[in-house]
Amino acid sequence: MADVLMRLSGSIWLSNSWKQELVITEDGVEGEVIQGLKRIKMHLPYDRIAQVNLVRGVFRADLEVVNKGGTGNLIVKALNKGEAEEAKNLIEAKIRSALHAQSVAGRAPHLVADELRKLAELRDQGLITEVEFQAQKAKLLA
């Protein structure tokens, strides 16, 4: 099981629903959805999350984790506002990290080497400065 980063529980008294829980782990978000009369456990990896919505009420907040598949969104109601905001920020940071990892993994190493070679040629020809070369090199390798 992945490391738990944060665990949130909604108030059963304020949500007019069963006790809801959302668990944020290193590799995704876990919770339960209702399908028919059943409660079904669901795990959404960060690369499958489209967005995170936070609906702030007077005393509490609702957090919705939207599935890219369009069904089975995780919604936890009647959360502490501060915890809900912290959870939203944490999930969004993990989504950005997952997207960055995908883009880096998708880049072919030989393409990066070709780009570095072209940048070095531009530097050697005097078309860009050493500072510009280093900045572009850092972007390619990031």
Protein backbone atom coordinates (compact mmCIF):
# COMPACT_ATOMS: atom_id res chain seq x y z
CA MET A 1 0.00 0.00 0.00
CA ALA A 2 1.24 3.49 -0.84
CA ASP A 3 2.24 5.96 1.87
CA VAL A 4 -0.70 8.00 3.16
CA LEU A 5 -0.05 11.73 2.85
CA MET A 6 -3.40 12.95 4.16
CA ARG A 7 -6.71 11.52 5.33
CA LEU A 8 -9.91 13.59 5.36
CA SER A 9 -13.28 12.71 6.86
CA GLY A 10 -16.53 14.47 6.11
CA SER A 11 -19.10 15.10 8.82
CA ILE A 12 -21.98 12.63 8.70
CA TRP A 13 -24.19 15.16 10.50
CA LEU A 14 -23.57 18.00 8.03
CA SER A 15 -23.49 16.07 4.76
CA ASN A 16 -26.80 14.19 4.94
CA SER A 17 -24.88 11.11 3.83
CA TRP A 18 -22.79 8.24 5.14
CA LYS A 19 -19.41 8.97 6.70
CA GLN A 20 -17.16 9.90 3.82
CA GLU A 21 -13.41 9.62 3.73
CA LEU A 22 -10.78 10.67 1.21
CA VAL A 23 -7.25 9.32 1.43
CA ILE A 24 -4.42 11.02 -0.43
CA THR A 25 -1.45 8.73 -1.05
CA GLU A 26 1.81 8.96 -2.96
CA ASP A 27 0.26 7.37 -6.05
CA GLY A 28 -3.33 8.62 -6.05
CA VAL A 29 -6.54 9.48 -4.26
CA GLU A 30 -8.81 6.87 -2.68
CA GLY A 31 -12.42 7.13 -1.61
CA GLU A 32 -15.88 5.68 -2.13
CA VAL A 33 -18.60 6.42 -4.66
CA ILE A 34 -22.23 5.39 -4.64
CA GLN A 35 -23.46 3.34 -7.60
CA GLY A 36 -27.07 2.36 -7.15
CA LEU A 37 -27.33 1.32 -3.54
CA LYS A 38 -23.70 0.19 -3.28
CA ARG A 39 -20.67 1.95 -1.90
CA ILE A 40 -17.71 1.15 -4.14
CA LYS A 41 -14.10 1.84 -3.22
CA MET A 42 -12.25 3.78 -5.89
CA HIS A 43 -8.62 4.63 -6.51
CA LEU A 44 -7.74 7.47 -8.89
CA PRO A 45 -4.07 7.76 -9.89
CA TYR A 46 -2.94 11.38 -10.30
CA ASP A 47 -2.63 11.06 -14.08
CA ARG A 48 -6.37 10.15 -14.22
CA ILE A 49 -7.56 13.25 -12.33
CA ALA A 50 -8.94 16.02 -14.53
CA GLN A 51 -9.38 18.65 -11.82
CA VAL A 52 -10.13 19.26 -8.17
CA ASN A 53 -13.09 21.43 -7.20
CA LEU A 54 -13.60 23.01 -3.81
CA VAL A 55 -17.03 24.35 -2.84
CA ARG A 56 -16.79 26.52 0.24
CA GLY A 57 -19.81 26.85 2.50
CA VAL A 58 -20.32 29.02 5.53
CA PHE A 59 -18.87 26.50 7.99
CA ARG A 60 -17.58 23.62 5.88
CA ALA A 61 -16.37 22.78 2.37
CA ASP A 62 -17.01 20.03 -0.18
CA LEU A 63 -14.15 18.58 -2.22
CA GLU A 64 -14.69 16.93 -5.61
CA VAL A 65 -11.96 15.00 -7.40
CA VAL A 66 -13.00 14.77 -11.06
CA ASN A 67 -12.16 11.57 -12.94
CA LYS A 68 -10.86 12.07 -16.51
CA GLY A 69 -13.07 9.13 -17.46
CA GLY A 70 -16.10 11.26 -16.67
CA THR A 71 -17.75 8.88 -14.20
CA GLY A 72 -17.10 8.03 -10.61
CA ASN A 73 -15.98 11.42 -9.31
CA LEU A 74 -14.92 11.30 -5.67
CA ILE A 75 -16.89 13.78 -3.58
CA VAL A 76 -16.43 14.32 0.13
CA LYS A 77 -18.84 16.71 1.82
CA ALA A 78 -18.76 18.73 5.02
CA LEU A 79 -14.98 18.92 5.45
CA ASN A 80 -13.06 21.34 7.60
CA LYS A 81 -12.36 24.30 5.27
CA GLY A 82 -8.64 24.49 6.06
CA GLU A 83 -8.11 20.76 5.55
CA ALA A 84 -10.10 20.81 2.31
CA GLU A 85 -7.97 23.67 0.94
CA GLU A 86 -4.76 21.88 1.98
CA ALA A 87 -5.96 18.66 0.33
CA LYS A 88 -6.87 20.48 -2.89
CA ASN A 89 -3.40 22.07 -3.05
CA LEU A 90 -1.68 18.74 -2.32
CA ILE A 91 -3.66 16.86 -4.99
CA GLU A 92 -3.02 19.60 -7.58
CA ALA A 93 0.72 19.53 -6.80
CA LYS A 94 0.75 15.74 -7.24
CA ILE A 95 -1.13 16.08 -10.55
CA ARG A 96 1.47 18.59 -11.81
CA SER A 97 4.25 16.27 -10.70
CA ALA A 98 2.65 13.30 -12.50
CA LEU A 99 2.20 15.34 -15.70
CA HIS A 100 5.83 16.50 -15.54
CA ALA A 101 7.03 12.92 -15.05
CA GLN A 102 5.01 11.82 -18.09
CA SER A 103 6.43 14.58 -20.28
CA VAL A 104 9.99 13.80 -19.23
CA ALA A 105 9.49 10.05 -19.76
CA GLY A 106 7.94 10.74 -23.15
CA ARG A 107 10.98 12.65 -24.37
CA ALA A 108 13.43 10.50 -26.27
CA PRO A 109 17.00 10.91 -24.94
CA HIS A 110 18.41 11.23 -28.45
CA LEU A 111 16.10 14.19 -29.15
CA VAL A 112 17.42 16.00 -26.08
CA ALA A 113 20.98 15.30 -27.21
CA ASP A 114 20.19 16.68 -30.67
CA GLU A 115 18.73 19.84 -29.16
CA LEU A 116 21.81 20.28 -26.96
CA ARG A 117 24.04 19.85 -29.99
CA LYS A 118 22.09 22.51 -31.90
CA LEU A 119 22.28 24.90 -28.95
CA ALA A 120 26.04 24.36 -28.69
CA GLU A 121 26.41 25.15 -32.41
CA LEU A 122 24.43 28.38 -31.97
CA ARG A 123 26.65 29.32 -29.02
CA ASP A 124 29.83 28.47 -30.95
CA GLN A 125 28.64 30.62 -33.87
CA GLY A 126 28.03 33.52 -31.51
CA LEU A 127 24.28 33.59 -32.15
CA ILE A 128 23.46 33.03 -28.47
CA THR A 129 25.47 33.84 -25.35
CA GLU A 130 26.86 31.34 -22.86
CA VAL A 131 24.20 32.46 -20.36
CA GLU A 132 21.41 31.82 -22.90
CA PHE A 133 22.97 28.45 -23.73
CA GLN A 134 23.07 27.41 -20.06
CA ALA A 135 19.46 28.56 -19.50
CA GLN A 136 18.16 26.57 -22.50
CA LYS A 137 20.26 23.57 -21.50
CA ALA A 138 18.76 23.64 -18.00
CA LYS A 139 15.22 23.71 -19.50
CA LEU A 140 15.98 20.71 -21.71
CA LEU A 141 17.44 18.68 -18.87
CA ALA A 142 14.76 19.62 -16.33
